[in-house]
Amino acid sequence: MVAAIRYGVVGTGMMGVEHLHNIALIPDAEVVAIADPVATSLDWARNALGERAAGVVAYASVAAFARDAQVDAIVIASPNHTHRTVLDPLFGMDAAVLCEKPLATTMDDARWIVDRAASRDRPFWTGMEYRFMPPAAAFIDQIHQGRVGRLQMLSIREHRFPFLPKVGDWNRFARNTGGTMVEKCCHFFDLMRLVVQSEPVRVYCSGAMDVNHLDERYDGARPDIIDNSFTTVDFANGVRAMLDLSMFADGAEHQEEMSATGDAARLDVLIPPGDLIFSPRVGFRGQKRPERTRVAIDPTAHAAGSHEGATYYQHVAFAAAVRGEGPVLVSAEDGLRAVAIGTAAEISAREHRVVEMSEFGL
């Protein structure tokens, strides 16, 4: 049991700073240590901490952090491809871990993390913020309560801005990210599994880099990350799910739209603004009877990050798990399964073929 939680944050770039802002909202919690090899990133963390930075120990290496930091919980927000290396010494600490998505960039690394996490007593949590967006959570709850009847089709659309610049431009190359379908889309593949409550059996993805980053060069190398795709996932229980991704649709009114269609009704969620639209079946030429409601997001939580309040609500649940008052809601195994679907989508887009999940032993 942990009452006041002492946090350490490893990786203090954009997402690490968002975690700092949200930890500040958690009762009986304080950040006592930060770690990042980049001095500028440590300065971003100090700025985010403000007056609280005076009591925070900064480390320039994970090794020093693992040796000396006195923490109850660790948030890992370092670049994707570093997760296994970062976790290796941290697994020796007596602390709960929240590791940002994607869990890893390769199946081998993801399996290694799952195995190590299973050998520890302390909670391990994969950071899948999208589960915790209030509109998305309400959408999922209503599906599970049977509002659409027997679910048969799930459609997710994300039309958004291109990948943002990151320290060292690491996110411009699939070798560092796992590819767009792993780096970005693992959120949505995780949502698919959560909504459908089954495991995928095959994946087909058609995607490419057609608009963004074409003229960019880093040490003479051109980026190789997908910026648009359609992905279809067949699940073992017969449900079909689809992801429609565009990374050059900055002007779209809604960044995310999700639709669940069952034998009784369809349910949509729009993010933002957080509208739920319930559309029961009415028959041929029947009068349509859509019902629209809006899911509220706490303004303070909303202002603390760029994920519609999701980072805060995830931290509330994670803190409960750290204190022994709640379950781990997103396990390392969940993280691995999302990486597996993303990896299958990357292979499918590259090789122009259907990928069976049995190819991964899943």
Protein backbone atom coordinates (compact mmCIF):
# COMPACT_ATOMS: atom_id res chain seq x y z
CA MET A 1 0.00 0.00 0.00
CA VAL A 2 1.27 3.45 -0.98
CA ALA A 3 -0.42 6.61 0.35
CA ALA A 4 1.62 9.54 -0.96
CA ILE A 5 3.09 8.48 -4.31
CA ARG A 6 6.60 9.62 -5.24
CA TYR A 7 6.88 9.75 -9.03
CA GLY A 8 9.85 9.66 -11.34
CA VAL A 9 9.48 10.60 -15.01
CA VAL A 10 11.96 9.18 -17.51
CA GLY A 11 11.88 11.09 -20.78
CA THR A 12 10.85 14.72 -20.43
CA GLY A 13 10.01 15.72 -23.98
CA MET A 14 6.51 16.68 -25.08
CA MET A 15 4.67 13.67 -23.63
CA GLY A 16 6.80 13.57 -20.50
CA VAL A 17 5.86 17.18 -19.80
CA GLU A 18 2.18 16.33 -20.30
CA HIS A 19 2.54 13.63 -17.65
CA LEU A 20 4.12 16.15 -15.28
CA HIS A 21 1.17 18.51 -15.65
CA ASN A 22 -1.27 15.69 -14.94
CA ILE A 23 0.57 14.16 -11.99
CA ALA A 24 0.30 17.61 -10.40
CA LEU A 25 -3.49 17.13 -10.35
CA ILE A 26 -3.38 13.79 -8.51
CA PRO A 27 -3.97 14.07 -4.72
CA ASP A 28 -1.12 12.90 -2.48
CA ALA A 29 1.31 12.63 -5.39
CA GLU A 30 4.55 14.42 -6.14
CA VAL A 31 7.30 14.24 -8.75
CA VAL A 32 10.63 13.74 -6.99
CA ALA A 33 12.89 12.71 -9.89
CA ILE A 34 13.24 13.25 -13.64
CA ALA A 35 15.66 11.74 -16.12
CA ASP A 36 16.63 12.61 -19.68
CA PRO A 37 19.99 12.64 -21.49
CA VAL A 38 19.03 15.88 -23.27
CA ALA A 39 19.59 19.01 -21.17
CA THR A 40 16.95 20.98 -23.08
CA SER A 41 14.33 18.36 -22.25
CA LEU A 42 15.22 18.55 -18.56
CA ASP A 43 14.73 22.31 -18.78
CA TRP A 44 11.27 21.77 -20.28
CA ALA A 45 10.45 19.60 -17.28
CA ARG A 46 11.71 22.21 -14.82
CA ASN A 47 9.58 24.85 -16.52
CA ALA A 48 6.54 22.59 -16.31
CA LEU A 49 7.18 21.89 -12.63
CA GLY A 50 7.58 25.56 -11.78
CA GLU A 51 8.17 26.13 -8.08
CA ARG A 52 7.95 22.38 -7.47
CA ALA A 53 11.15 21.87 -9.46
CA ALA A 54 13.23 22.92 -6.44
CA GLY A 55 12.67 19.56 -4.76
CA VAL A 56 13.13 17.40 -7.85
CA VAL A 57 16.37 15.53 -8.57
CA ALA A 58 17.37 15.54 -12.25
CA TYR A 59 19.40 12.69 -13.76
CA ALA A 60 21.20 12.72 -17.10
CA SER A 61 21.08 8.91 -17.40
CA VAL A 62 18.67 6.09 -16.66
CA ALA A 63 21.46 4.20 -14.92
CA ALA A 64 21.91 6.99 -12.37
CA PHE A 65 18.14 7.27 -11.93
CA ALA A 66 17.81 3.52 -11.35
CA ARG A 67 20.67 3.58 -8.84
CA ASP A 68 19.64 6.57 -6.74
CA ALA A 69 16.04 7.69 -7.28
CA GLN A 70 13.64 7.02 -4.42
CA VAL A 71 10.30 6.55 -6.14
CA ASP A 72 7.10 4.54 -5.89
CA ALA A 73 6.05 4.94 -9.52
CA ILE A 74 7.88 5.58 -12.78
CA VAL A 75 6.45 7.06 -15.96
CA ILE A 76 8.43 6.23 -19.09
CA ALA A 77 7.98 8.71 -21.94
CA SER A 78 11.27 8.19 -23.76
CA PRO A 79 11.38 7.53 -27.54
CA ASN A 80 9.70 4.29 -28.62
CA HIS A 81 12.83 2.42 -29.61
CA THR A 82 14.46 3.05 -26.21
CA HIS A 83 11.79 1.37 -24.08
CA ARG A 84 13.52 -1.99 -23.65
CA THR A 85 16.89 -0.40 -22.86
CA VAL A 86 15.29 2.05 -20.45
CA LEU A 87 13.21 -0.60 -18.71
CA ASP A 88 16.10 -3.01 -18.19
CA PRO A 89 17.58 -1.20 -15.15
CA LEU A 90 14.22 0.13 -13.98
CA PHE A 91 12.82 -3.38 -13.58
CA GLY A 92 15.31 -3.76 -10.75
CA MET A 93 13.59 -0.99 -8.78
CA ASP A 94 10.73 -1.56 -6.36
CA ALA A 95 8.37 0.76 -8.22
CA ALA A 96 5.24 0.59 -10.34
CA VAL A 97 5.74 1.44 -14.02
CA LEU A 98 3.60 3.26 -16.57
CA CYS A 99 5.26 2.87 -19.97
CA GLU A 100 4.00 5.05 -22.78
CA LYS A 101 2.68 3.52 -25.96
CA PRO A 102 3.80 1.75 -28.02
CA LEU A 103 5.16 -0.77 -25.57
CA ALA A 104 8.04 -1.44 -27.97
CA THR A 105 8.90 -1.18 -31.65
CA THR A 106 9.46 -4.90 -32.26
CA MET A 107 7.66 -8.05 -31.22
CA ASP A 108 10.84 -9.42 -29.64
CA ASP A 109 11.21 -6.39 -27.40
CA ALA A 110 7.51 -6.38 -26.54
CA ARG A 111 7.64 -10.05 -25.54
CA TRP A 112 10.74 -9.38 -23.41
CA ILE A 113 8.91 -6.60 -21.59
CA VAL A 114 5.85 -8.79 -21.01
CA ASP A 115 8.00 -11.55 -19.54
CA ARG A 116 9.90 -9.19 -17.24
CA ALA A 117 6.75 -7.39 -16.13
CA ALA A 118 5.12 -10.71 -15.23
CA SER A 119 8.00 -11.58 -12.92
CA ARG A 120 7.48 -8.49 -10.73
CA ASP A 121 5.05 -7.80 -7.90
CA ARG A 122 4.61 -4.11 -8.67
CA PRO A 123 2.04 -2.95 -11.26
CA PHE A 124 3.06 -2.51 -14.89
CA TRP A 125 0.77 -0.33 -16.99
CA THR A 126 0.91 0.40 -20.73
CA GLY A 127 0.04 4.03 -21.43
CA MET A 128 -2.99 3.89 -23.72
CA GLU A 129 -4.57 7.28 -23.08
CA TYR A 130 -7.34 6.97 -25.65
CA ARG A 131 -9.18 4.41 -23.52
CA PHE A 132 -9.61 7.12 -20.92
CA MET A 133 -10.99 9.98 -23.01
CA PRO A 134 -14.42 10.51 -21.39
CA PRO A 135 -16.33 10.45 -24.72
CA ALA A 136 -14.49 7.31 -25.85
CA ALA A 137 -15.03 5.65 -22.47
CA ALA A 138 -18.76 6.41 -22.61
CA PHE A 139 -18.90 5.05 -26.17
CA ILE A 140 -17.23 1.82 -25.08
CA ASP A 141 -19.47 1.44 -22.01
CA GLN A 142 -22.65 1.79 -24.04
CA ILE A 143 -21.50 -0.81 -26.56
CA HIS A 144 -20.66 -3.24 -23.78
CA GLN A 145 -24.05 -2.58 -22.20
CA GLY A 146 -25.68 -3.77 -25.43
CA ARG A 147 -27.04 -0.48 -26.73
CA VAL A 148 -26.29 -1.31 -30.39
CA GLY A 149 -27.39 -4.91 -29.98
CA ARG A 150 -24.93 -7.52 -31.24
CA LEU A 151 -21.88 -5.60 -32.45
CA GLN A 152 -20.80 -6.48 -36.00
CA MET A 153 -18.85 -3.50 -37.35
CA LEU A 154 -16.47 -1.00 -35.74
CA SER A 155 -15.09 1.94 -37.70
CA ILE A 156 -12.46 4.36 -36.40
CA ARG A 157 -11.32 7.44 -38.28
CA GLU A 158 -8.43 9.68 -37.30
CA HIS A 159 -7.88 12.63 -39.62
CA ARG A 160 -5.28 14.92 -38.12
CA PHE A 161 -2.07 16.90 -38.45
CA PRO A 162 1.32 15.41 -39.42
CA PHE A 163 3.74 14.04 -36.86
CA LEU A 164 5.20 16.85 -34.77
CA PRO A 165 8.95 17.50 -34.55
CA LYS A 166 10.66 15.55 -31.76
CA VAL A 167 14.10 15.76 -30.18
CA GLY A 168 16.61 14.42 -32.68
CA ASP A 169 13.80 13.88 -35.21
CA TRP A 170 13.58 10.28 -34.07
CA ASN A 171 9.92 9.95 -35.10
CA ARG A 172 10.67 10.40 -38.80
CA PHE A 173 11.92 6.83 -39.23
CA ALA A 174 10.17 3.49 -38.81
CA ARG A 175 13.29 1.96 -37.26
CA ASN A 176 12.71 4.25 -34.25
CA THR A 177 8.91 4.24 -34.12
CA GLY A 178 7.98 0.77 -35.28
CA GLY A 179 6.24 2.55 -38.16
CA THR A 180 3.16 4.74 -38.09
CA MET A 181 0.83 1.77 -37.69
CA VAL A 182 2.65 0.86 -34.48
CA GLU A 183 3.59 4.32 -33.19
CA LYS A 184 0.32 6.15 -33.78
CA CYS A 185 -2.23 3.48 -34.47
CA CYS A 186 -1.52 1.17 -31.54
CA HIS A 187 -4.01 3.37 -29.64
CA PHE A 188 -6.76 2.44 -32.07
CA PHE A 189 -5.86 -1.22 -32.32
CA ASP A 190 -6.00 -1.31 -28.52
CA LEU A 191 -9.44 0.29 -28.66
CA MET A 192 -10.56 -2.29 -31.21
CA ARG A 193 -9.64 -5.17 -28.90
CA LEU A 194 -11.28 -3.42 -25.95
CA VAL A 195 -14.52 -2.68 -27.82
CA VAL A 196 -14.81 -5.97 -29.68
CA GLN A 197 -13.71 -8.11 -26.69
CA SER A 198 -12.04 -10.63 -28.96
CA GLU A 199 -8.65 -11.20 -30.54
CA PRO A 200 -7.73 -10.43 -34.17
CA VAL A 201 -7.11 -13.25 -36.62
CA ARG A 202 -6.02 -11.30 -39.74
CA VAL A 203 -5.06 -7.80 -40.82
CA TYR A 204 -5.03 -6.05 -44.17
CA CYS A 205 -3.57 -2.55 -44.56
CA SER A 206 -3.21 -0.38 -47.63
CA GLY A 207 -1.05 2.64 -46.82
CA ALA A 208 1.92 4.75 -47.88
CA MET A 209 3.78 8.03 -47.36
CA ASP A 210 2.17 10.19 -50.04
CA VAL A 211 2.10 13.80 -48.79
CA ASN A 212 4.07 14.50 -45.60
CA HIS A 213 7.87 14.62 -45.15
CA LEU A 214 8.61 14.04 -48.84
CA ASP A 215 11.16 16.85 -49.02
CA GLU A 216 12.67 16.29 -45.56
CA ARG A 217 16.14 14.82 -45.16
CA TYR A 218 17.97 13.89 -41.97
CA ASP A 219 21.67 13.13 -42.40
CA GLY A 220 20.79 12.56 -46.04
CA ALA A 221 18.06 10.01 -45.26
CA ARG A 222 14.45 10.46 -46.29
CA PRO A 223 11.68 9.68 -43.76
CA ASP A 224 9.82 6.41 -44.32
CA ILE A 225 6.66 6.71 -42.23
CA ILE A 226 3.13 6.05 -43.51
CA ASP A 227 0.95 9.17 -43.57
CA ASN A 228 -2.35 7.62 -44.72
CA SER A 229 -3.89 4.18 -44.67
CA PHE A 230 -6.95 2.00 -44.50
CA THR A 231 -6.66 -1.03 -42.21
CA THR A 232 -9.18 -3.84 -41.82
CA VAL A 233 -9.01 -6.24 -38.88
CA ASP A 234 -11.02 -9.47 -38.68
CA PHE A 235 -11.70 -10.68 -35.14
CA ALA A 236 -12.23 -14.23 -33.94
CA ASN A 237 -15.84 -13.52 -32.88
CA GLY A 238 -16.80 -12.38 -36.39
CA VAL A 239 -16.65 -8.64 -35.82
CA ARG A 240 -14.89 -6.54 -38.45
CA ALA A 241 -13.05 -3.35 -37.56
CA MET A 242 -11.58 -0.66 -39.78
CA LEU A 243 -9.14 2.20 -39.22
CA ASP A 244 -9.11 5.16 -41.63
CA LEU A 245 -6.00 7.28 -41.01
CA SER A 246 -4.91 10.53 -42.61
CA MET A 247 -2.00 12.54 -41.26
CA PHE A 248 -2.63 15.45 -43.63
CA ALA A 249 -6.20 16.39 -42.69
CA ASP A 250 -5.43 19.24 -40.28
CA GLY A 251 -8.64 21.07 -41.14
CA ALA A 252 -11.04 18.26 -40.31
CA GLU A 253 -13.75 19.27 -37.86
CA HIS A 254 -13.31 16.13 -35.79
CA GLN A 255 -9.91 14.54 -35.21
CA GLU A 256 -11.45 11.21 -34.27
CA GLU A 257 -14.76 9.63 -35.20
CA MET A 258 -15.78 6.15 -34.09
CA SER A 259 -18.85 4.20 -35.17
CA ALA A 260 -20.13 0.94 -33.74
CA THR A 261 -22.88 -0.80 -35.71
CA GLY A 262 -24.86 -3.70 -34.31
CA ASP A 263 -28.00 -5.54 -35.30
CA ALA A 264 -30.14 -3.04 -33.38
CA ALA A 265 -28.51 0.38 -33.77
CA ARG A 266 -25.46 2.45 -34.57
CA LEU A 267 -23.53 4.53 -32.06
CA ASP A 268 -21.09 7.27 -33.04
CA VAL A 269 -18.68 9.40 -31.02
CA LEU A 270 -17.10 12.62 -32.27
CA ILE A 271 -13.85 13.84 -30.68
CA PRO A 272 -13.89 16.75 -30.19
CA PRO A 273 -16.57 17.92 -29.26
CA GLY A 274 -17.45 14.72 -27.39
CA ASP A 275 -20.87 14.07 -28.92
CA LEU A 276 -22.45 10.62 -28.76
CA ILE A 277 -25.04 9.96 -31.47
CA PHE A 278 -27.35 6.96 -31.05
CA SER A 279 -29.23 5.89 -34.20
CA PRO A 280 -31.66 2.97 -33.77
CA ARG A 281 -32.78 1.00 -36.81
CA VAL A 282 -36.06 2.26 -38.27
CA GLY A 283 -36.64 0.12 -41.35
CA PHE A 284 -37.01 1.16 -44.97
CA ARG A 285 -38.29 4.76 -45.16
CA GLY A 286 -38.80 4.82 -41.41
CA GLN A 287 -38.43 8.16 -39.64
CA LYS A 288 -34.90 8.48 -38.32
CA ARG A 289 -34.67 9.01 -34.55
CA PRO A 290 -31.07 9.95 -33.70
CA GLU A 291 -30.33 10.90 -30.09
CA ARG A 292 -27.39 13.23 -29.45
CA THR A 293 -25.72 13.75 -26.08
CA ARG A 294 -22.48 15.41 -25.10
CA VAL A 295 -19.97 13.90 -22.66
CA ALA A 296 -18.44 16.48 -20.35
CA ILE A 297 -14.71 16.71 -19.69
CA ASP A 298 -13.37 18.37 -16.56
CA PRO A 299 -11.90 21.71 -17.76
CA THR A 300 -8.82 21.37 -15.56
CA ALA A 301 -8.12 17.88 -16.88
CA HIS A 302 -8.71 19.07 -20.43
CA ALA A 303 -6.24 21.93 -20.03
CA ALA A 304 -3.50 19.65 -18.64
CA GLY A 305 -2.73 17.94 -21.95
CA SER A 306 -3.57 17.41 -25.58
CA HIS A 307 -5.63 14.22 -25.25
CA GLU A 308 -9.08 15.52 -24.28
CA GLY A 309 -8.42 14.97 -20.58
CA ALA A 310 -7.44 11.33 -21.11
CA THR A 311 -3.98 11.59 -19.54
CA TYR A 312 -5.48 12.83 -16.27
CA TYR A 313 -8.14 10.13 -16.09
CA GLN A 314 -5.53 7.48 -16.86
CA HIS A 315 -3.35 8.81 -14.05
CA VAL A 316 -6.27 8.60 -11.61
CA ALA A 317 -6.66 4.92 -12.47
CA PHE A 318 -2.91 4.27 -12.44
CA ALA A 319 -2.54 5.91 -9.00
CA ALA A 320 -5.28 3.62 -7.68
CA ALA A 321 -3.33 0.61 -8.97
CA VAL A 322 -0.10 1.90 -7.39
CA ARG A 323 -1.90 2.27 -4.06
CA GLY A 324 -3.39 -1.21 -4.31
CA GLU A 325 -6.90 0.24 -4.57
CA GLY A 326 -7.63 -0.70 -8.17
CA PRO A 327 -6.62 -3.09 -10.94
CA VAL A 328 -4.15 -2.58 -13.76
CA LEU A 329 -6.47 -1.69 -16.63
CA VAL A 330 -3.92 -1.79 -19.48
CA SER A 331 -1.39 -4.56 -19.03
CA ALA A 332 1.91 -5.26 -20.74
CA GLU A 333 0.09 -8.02 -22.62
CA ASP A 334 -2.39 -5.43 -23.90
CA GLY A 335 0.56 -3.37 -25.07
CA LEU A 336 2.07 -6.36 -26.88
CA ARG A 337 -1.21 -7.18 -28.62
CA ALA A 338 -1.53 -3.62 -29.92
CA VAL A 339 2.05 -3.72 -31.19
CA ALA A 340 1.29 -7.03 -32.90
CA ILE A 341 -1.67 -5.60 -34.85
CA GLY A 342 0.38 -2.53 -35.79
CA THR A 343 3.28 -4.69 -36.92
CA ALA A 344 0.91 -6.81 -39.01
CA ALA A 345 -0.46 -3.63 -40.60
CA GLU A 346 3.06 -2.39 -41.41
CA ILE A 347 3.94 -5.71 -43.04
CA SER A 348 0.64 -5.76 -44.94
CA ALA A 349 1.11 -2.24 -46.32
CA ARG A 350 4.69 -2.97 -47.32
CA GLU A 351 4.13 -6.42 -48.84
CA HIS A 352 0.60 -5.84 -50.17
CA ARG A 353 -0.87 -8.92 -48.56
CA VAL A 354 -3.13 -10.12 -45.79
CA VAL A 355 -1.22 -10.93 -42.60
CA GLU A 356 -2.48 -13.72 -40.36
CA MET A 357 -1.94 -13.11 -36.65
CA SER A 358 -0.87 -16.73 -36.36
CA GLU A 359 2.36 -15.61 -38.06
CA PHE A 360 3.24 -14.03 -34.70
CA GLY A 361 2.19 -17.08 -32.72
CA LEU A 362 -0.93 -15.25 -31.54
